[in-house]
Protein backbone atom coordinates (compact mmCIF):
# COMPACT_ATOMS: atom_id res chain seq x y z
CA MET A 1 -21.98 -10.72 -6.36
CA ALA A 2 -21.05 -8.28 -9.18
CA THR A 3 -17.36 -8.30 -9.99
CA ASP A 4 -15.81 -5.16 -11.50
CA VAL A 5 -11.96 -5.25 -11.15
CA HIS A 6 -9.45 -2.48 -11.52
CA ARG A 7 -11.67 0.22 -13.35
CA PRO A 8 -10.81 3.76 -12.61
CA VAL A 9 -12.37 5.16 -9.40
CA THR A 10 -15.25 7.65 -10.15
CA GLU A 11 -16.39 10.14 -7.38
CA THR A 12 -20.00 9.03 -7.04
CA VAL A 13 -20.58 7.01 -3.92
CA PRO A 14 -23.79 4.83 -4.00
CA THR A 15 -26.15 5.31 -0.96
CA THR A 16 -26.83 1.58 -0.71
CA LYS A 17 -24.43 -1.26 -0.66
CA THR A 18 -23.80 -3.29 -3.93
CA PRO A 19 -26.38 -6.02 -4.41
CA SER A 20 -26.28 -9.29 -5.85
CA ALA A 21 -25.31 -10.19 -9.41
CA ALA A 22 -28.94 -10.06 -10.44
CA THR A 23 -29.15 -6.36 -10.09
CA PRO A 24 -27.59 -4.42 -12.97
CA THR A 25 -24.43 -2.47 -12.54
CA GLY A 26 -24.00 0.94 -13.79
CA PRO A 27 -21.05 2.60 -15.70
CA THR A 28 -19.55 3.66 -12.33
CA GLY A 29 -19.16 0.04 -11.21
CA ALA A 30 -21.71 0.80 -8.57
CA THR A 31 -25.58 0.41 -8.46
CA GLY A 32 -27.83 3.43 -7.73
CA ALA A 33 -25.34 6.28 -8.26
CA THR A 34 -27.45 8.73 -6.53
CA GLY A 35 -25.47 9.29 -3.53
CA ALA A 36 -23.13 12.06 -2.15
CA THR A 37 -19.96 12.82 -3.87
CA LYS A 38 -16.90 11.54 -2.12
CA PRO A 39 -13.65 11.24 -4.01
CA SER A 40 -11.74 8.01 -3.66
CA ALA A 41 -8.36 6.63 -4.75
CA VAL A 42 -9.45 2.96 -3.82
CA ARG A 43 -13.01 1.70 -3.32
CA VAL A 44 -13.61 -1.87 -2.35
CA ASP A 45 -16.96 -3.21 -1.81
CA GLY A 46 -17.95 -6.81 -0.79
CA LEU A 47 -14.61 -8.20 -1.71
CA THR A 48 -14.25 -12.04 -1.18
CA ARG A 49 -11.12 -14.22 -1.93
CA THR A 50 -11.20 -17.77 -1.16
CA PHE A 51 -8.38 -20.55 -1.24
CA ASP A 52 -9.70 -24.17 -1.25
CA GLY A 53 -12.98 -23.10 0.09
CA ARG A 54 -11.66 -20.91 3.00
CA ALA A 55 -12.42 -17.14 2.72
CA VAL A 56 -9.13 -15.35 3.47
CA ILE A 57 -10.84 -12.17 2.56
CA ASP A 58 -14.50 -12.12 3.46
CA ASP A 59 -17.00 -9.40 2.17
CA LEU A 60 -14.46 -6.60 2.91
CA GLN A 61 -15.06 -2.96 2.57
CA LEU A 62 -12.45 -0.23 2.01
CA ASP A 63 -12.09 3.27 0.93
CA VAL A 64 -8.72 5.28 0.63
CA ARG A 65 -8.99 9.04 -0.23
CA PRO A 66 -6.77 10.61 -2.79
CA GLY A 67 -3.41 11.60 -1.25
CA GLU A 68 -4.11 9.64 1.87
CA PHE A 69 -1.33 7.31 3.64
CA VAL A 70 -2.96 4.16 4.88
CA ALA A 71 -1.18 1.58 6.89
CA LEU A 72 -2.54 -1.95 7.17
CA LEU A 73 -1.73 -4.01 10.17
CA GLY A 74 -2.69 -7.58 11.08
CA ARG A 75 -1.45 -11.02 12.23
CA SER A 76 0.19 -13.20 9.56
CA GLY A 77 -2.19 -14.93 7.42
CA CYS A 78 -4.99 -12.45 7.97
CA GLY A 79 -5.18 -11.51 4.20
CA LYS A 80 -3.07 -8.21 4.17
CA SER A 81 -0.75 -9.14 1.32
CA THR A 82 -3.76 -10.78 -0.50
CA LEU A 83 -5.66 -7.73 -0.43
CA LEU A 84 -2.53 -5.79 -1.73
CA ARG A 85 -2.07 -8.15 -4.64
CA ILE A 86 -5.75 -7.80 -5.71
CA LEU A 87 -5.38 -4.01 -5.62
CA ALA A 88 -2.23 -4.25 -7.60
CA GLY A 89 -4.05 -6.52 -10.18
CA LEU A 90 -1.91 -9.61 -9.55
CA ASP A 91 -4.82 -11.64 -8.21
CA ARG A 92 -8.10 -11.54 -9.94
CA ASP A 93 -9.90 -14.65 -8.75
CA ILE A 94 -12.21 -12.71 -6.61
CA GLU A 95 -15.80 -11.80 -5.93
CA GLY A 96 -16.84 -8.20 -5.21
CA THR A 97 -16.10 -4.78 -6.58
CA VAL A 98 -12.51 -3.26 -6.67
CA LEU A 99 -11.94 0.19 -8.26
CA VAL A 100 -8.38 1.52 -8.38
CA PRO A 101 -6.64 4.14 -10.36
CA ARG A 102 -5.18 3.05 -13.72
CA ARG A 103 -1.79 4.57 -12.66
CA LYS A 104 -0.66 2.27 -9.94
CA ALA A 105 2.59 0.82 -8.74
CA VAL A 106 3.82 -1.79 -6.05
CA ALA A 107 7.00 -2.30 -4.24
CA PHE A 108 7.61 -5.65 -2.34
CA GLN A 109 9.66 -6.65 0.66
CA ALA A 110 12.19 -8.29 -1.95
CA PRO A 111 13.37 -5.66 -4.38
CA ARG A 112 13.09 -8.25 -7.26
CA LEU A 113 15.76 -6.63 -9.46
CA MET A 114 16.74 -8.45 -12.60
CA PRO A 115 20.52 -9.21 -12.01
CA TRP A 116 21.41 -9.23 -15.65
CA LYS A 117 20.10 -5.76 -16.06
CA ARG A 118 21.81 -2.52 -14.80
CA VAL A 119 19.94 -0.52 -12.12
CA TRP A 120 18.53 1.95 -14.72
CA ARG A 121 17.20 -0.64 -16.97
CA ASN A 122 15.58 -2.25 -13.88
CA VAL A 123 13.89 0.94 -13.08
CA LEU A 124 12.37 1.14 -16.66
CA LEU A 125 11.44 -2.62 -16.61
CA GLY A 126 7.87 -2.96 -17.93
CA LEU A 127 7.16 0.62 -18.91
CA PRO A 128 5.30 0.94 -22.25
CA GLY A 129 7.17 2.32 -25.20
CA LYS A 130 11.13 3.03 -25.11
CA PRO A 131 11.56 5.40 -22.39
CA ASP A 132 14.96 7.22 -22.27
CA ARG A 133 17.51 6.42 -19.73
CA GLU A 134 16.91 9.99 -18.38
CA VAL A 135 13.60 8.90 -17.05
CA ALA A 136 15.23 6.31 -14.91
CA GLU A 137 17.87 8.81 -13.72
CA ARG A 138 15.29 11.28 -12.57
CA ALA A 139 13.55 8.68 -10.48
CA LEU A 140 16.88 7.32 -9.04
CA ALA A 141 17.89 10.76 -8.14
CA GLU A 142 14.55 11.25 -6.34
CA VAL A 143 15.51 8.29 -4.04
CA GLY A 144 19.11 9.35 -3.71
CA LEU A 145 20.62 6.57 -6.04
CA LYS A 146 21.67 8.55 -9.09
CA HIS A 147 25.23 7.69 -8.47
CA ARG A 148 24.40 3.91 -8.82
CA THR A 149 22.53 4.40 -12.08
CA SER A 150 24.97 2.00 -14.05
CA ALA A 151 25.51 -0.43 -11.29
CA TRP A 152 24.67 -4.09 -11.34
CA PRO A 153 22.07 -5.06 -8.68
CA LYS A 154 24.36 -7.72 -7.08
CA THR A 155 26.68 -4.67 -6.11
CA LEU A 156 23.90 -2.75 -4.27
CA SER A 157 23.40 -2.91 -0.51
CA GLY A 158 19.97 -3.84 0.89
CA GLY A 159 19.00 -0.30 1.27
CA GLU A 160 20.12 0.69 -2.06
CA ALA A 161 18.23 -2.31 -3.77
CA GLN A 162 15.05 -1.31 -1.92
CA ARG A 163 15.53 2.33 -3.07
CA ALA A 164 15.91 1.08 -6.63
CA SER A 165 12.71 -0.84 -6.18
CA LEU A 166 11.05 2.32 -5.07
CA ALA A 167 12.31 4.23 -8.14
CA ARG A 168 10.97 1.57 -10.32
CA ALA A 169 7.50 2.24 -8.72
CA LEU A 170 7.78 5.90 -8.88
CA VAL A 171 8.80 6.08 -12.43
CA ARG A 172 5.26 5.05 -13.27
CA GLU A 173 3.84 8.31 -11.69
CA PRO A 174 1.33 6.38 -9.70
CA ASP A 175 -1.83 7.73 -8.35
CA LEU A 176 -1.87 4.78 -5.98
CA LEU A 177 1.51 3.37 -4.46
CA LEU A 178 1.22 -0.14 -2.79
CA LEU A 179 3.98 -1.14 -0.40
CA ASP A 180 4.10 -4.79 0.81
CA GLU A 181 6.39 -4.56 3.87
CA PRO A 182 9.26 -2.80 1.87
CA PHE A 183 11.39 -2.28 4.88
CA GLY A 184 11.02 -5.76 6.47
CA ALA A 185 14.41 -7.01 5.50
CA LEU A 186 16.45 -4.07 6.43
CA ASP A 187 18.66 -3.38 9.40
CA ALA A 188 17.25 -1.00 11.95
CA LEU A 189 19.27 2.07 10.73
CA THR A 190 18.59 1.60 7.10
CA ARG A 191 14.96 0.99 7.90
CA ILE A 192 14.67 4.29 9.62
CA LYS A 193 16.33 6.07 6.62
CA ALA A 194 13.99 4.33 4.22
CA GLN A 195 10.81 5.28 6.31
CA ARG A 196 11.96 8.83 6.08
CA LEU A 197 12.56 8.67 2.51
CA VAL A 198 9.05 7.23 1.83
CA ASP A 199 7.40 9.87 4.04
CA GLU A 200 9.29 12.60 1.89
CA LEU A 201 8.33 10.96 -1.35
CA TRP A 202 4.71 10.89 -0.36
CA GLN A 203 4.48 14.35 0.83
CA ARG A 204 6.09 15.55 -2.48
CA ARG A 205 4.17 13.25 -4.80
CA GLY A 206 0.75 13.48 -3.12
CA CYS A 207 -0.36 10.09 -4.33
CA ALA A 208 -2.39 7.66 -2.20
CA VAL A 209 -0.37 5.01 -0.45
CA LEU A 210 -1.38 1.64 1.09
CA LEU A 211 1.43 0.29 3.39
CA VAL A 212 1.19 -3.33 4.49
CA THR A 213 3.31 -3.72 7.70
CA HIS A 214 3.74 -5.78 10.96
CA ASP A 215 5.30 -2.91 12.41
CA VAL A 216 2.90 -0.88 14.63
CA GLU A 217 5.50 1.84 15.37
CA GLU A 218 6.09 2.17 11.56
CA ALA A 219 2.47 2.52 10.90
CA VAL A 220 1.86 5.27 13.54
CA LEU A 221 4.91 7.07 12.19
CA LEU A 222 3.96 7.22 8.65
CA ALA A 223 0.12 6.88 8.21
CA ASP A 224 -2.77 9.25 8.25
CA ARG A 225 -4.91 6.21 9.09
CA VAL A 226 -4.20 2.77 10.45
CA LEU A 227 -6.49 -0.24 9.69
CA VAL A 228 -6.33 -3.63 11.55
CA MET A 229 -7.29 -6.46 9.39
CA ASP A 230 -8.61 -9.75 11.21
CA GLN A 231 -10.33 -12.73 9.87
CA GLY A 232 -10.56 -11.28 6.28
CA VAL A 233 -12.21 -7.89 7.24
CA ILE A 234 -11.07 -4.56 8.51
CA ALA A 235 -11.80 -5.03 12.16
CA TYR A 236 -10.58 -1.67 13.31
CA GLU A 237 -9.29 1.78 12.21
CA THR A 238 -8.04 4.94 13.60
CA GLU A 239 -6.98 8.30 12.43
CA ILE A 240 -3.48 9.35 13.32
CA ASP A 241 -3.92 12.91 14.58
CA LEU A 242 -0.17 13.70 15.01
CA GLU A 243 1.60 16.47 13.37
CA ARG A 244 4.57 15.72 11.07
CA PRO A 245 7.46 15.18 11.48
CA ARG A 246 6.52 12.59 14.17
CA GLY A 247 8.54 11.38 17.10
CA ILE A 248 8.03 8.31 19.29
CA SER A 249 8.66 10.44 22.32
CA ASP A 250 5.39 12.12 21.86
CA PRO A 251 2.96 10.76 24.58
CA ARG A 252 0.08 10.57 22.06
CA PHE A 253 2.43 8.48 19.86
CA GLY A 254 2.63 6.04 22.82
CA GLU A 255 -1.01 5.98 23.24
CA LEU A 256 -1.88 5.23 19.61
CA ARG A 257 0.87 2.45 19.63
CA ALA A 258 -0.58 0.82 22.71
CA GLU A 259 -4.07 0.82 21.45
CA LEU A 260 -3.09 -0.78 18.17
CA LEU A 261 -0.99 -3.40 20.10
CA GLN A 262 -4.06 -4.16 22.09
CA ARG A 263 -6.23 -4.44 19.06
CA LEU A 264 -3.60 -6.96 17.63
CA GLY A 265 -3.75 -9.04 20.78
CA VAL A 266 -0.32 -7.77 22.03
CA GLU A 267 0.21 -6.05 25.32
CA ALA A 268 2.50 -3.11 25.18
CA SER A 269 4.43 -4.43 28.18
CA ALA A 270 4.81 -8.01 26.82
CA GLU A 271 6.22 -6.52 23.59
CA ALA A 272 8.71 -4.19 25.39
CA ALA A 273 9.94 -7.11 27.33
CA ALA A 274 10.56 -9.15 24.01
CA SER A 275 12.34 -6.43 22.34
C-alpha cells in the first residue's frame, strides 16, 4: 500500500480507492486524479497502524472538510489518540495515505508546559525564527490569559494551563487544530468554560478541528459531525443538525446523545444512573 504522509491536501478526489504499492501514485498523493472536486482539510485513505502485529487502526478512511468541527468518540483503546498522533505527524510508522495541511497544531489533555519557561515563552516554544513576545501576547489575549503572560506555569490553575496550551496551538495559525481530550482533567465548571472558549475560537478562526473525546455530550455540543471509532475503523457517523449556541435541554440534543451512547454500547438510562 502506498504511503504518503503529511503532504498538503489538494482538492482533487479520486473516483477509485487508492490501489496497492504497485500502482504509481501521482503528484496529489492519489491515483487516477480524474474525480470530482471536493475540498478537504484532512484526507485519510487505507490507513493502517499495527503494534506487535495487531492492527489498532485497520484500513481507515476519513475526510474532514475545511472549517469543519469533527468530534471522534470511541471506547478506550479503539485507536482515537493513535489516529490523532498520526495526523499530527508524531507517529509515522504507518501504511496508507495521510494528507493534512502544513499548518497544523495539537493540544493534549496535559498542557505540557515547560516549568522553567514563563507562560509567553511556552506559547512561542517550537516556532521557527525568533518571534516577538507580542506574538505570544496576542494569542494569550485571545484565550483570556494576557494578564498571566509573565507567570510561571506552576502558578497557573488547571484551566489557565489548558488555555496556555491552546494559545500555543493557536499562535501557529493552524488550518487544522487537533485536540486530544483537552478538557478531560478539568473540573466541571472549568470544563464548561473551556468548551465555550473553543467553540468561540473555532467560529472566529474558521480552521478545521478534530476533537478526540470520551464525552458524548461534549461531542454533540461542539461538533458539526460526530464519528464513532470501533476496532480501528470509523464505524458510525452523524451530522449534528442543531443551531448554535446549543443547549442540552433541546429534545433533539437528547436524541443525538442517546443514539451515540447506543452506538458506543451504553444505554442512556444506565449512564444516567451512574452519573
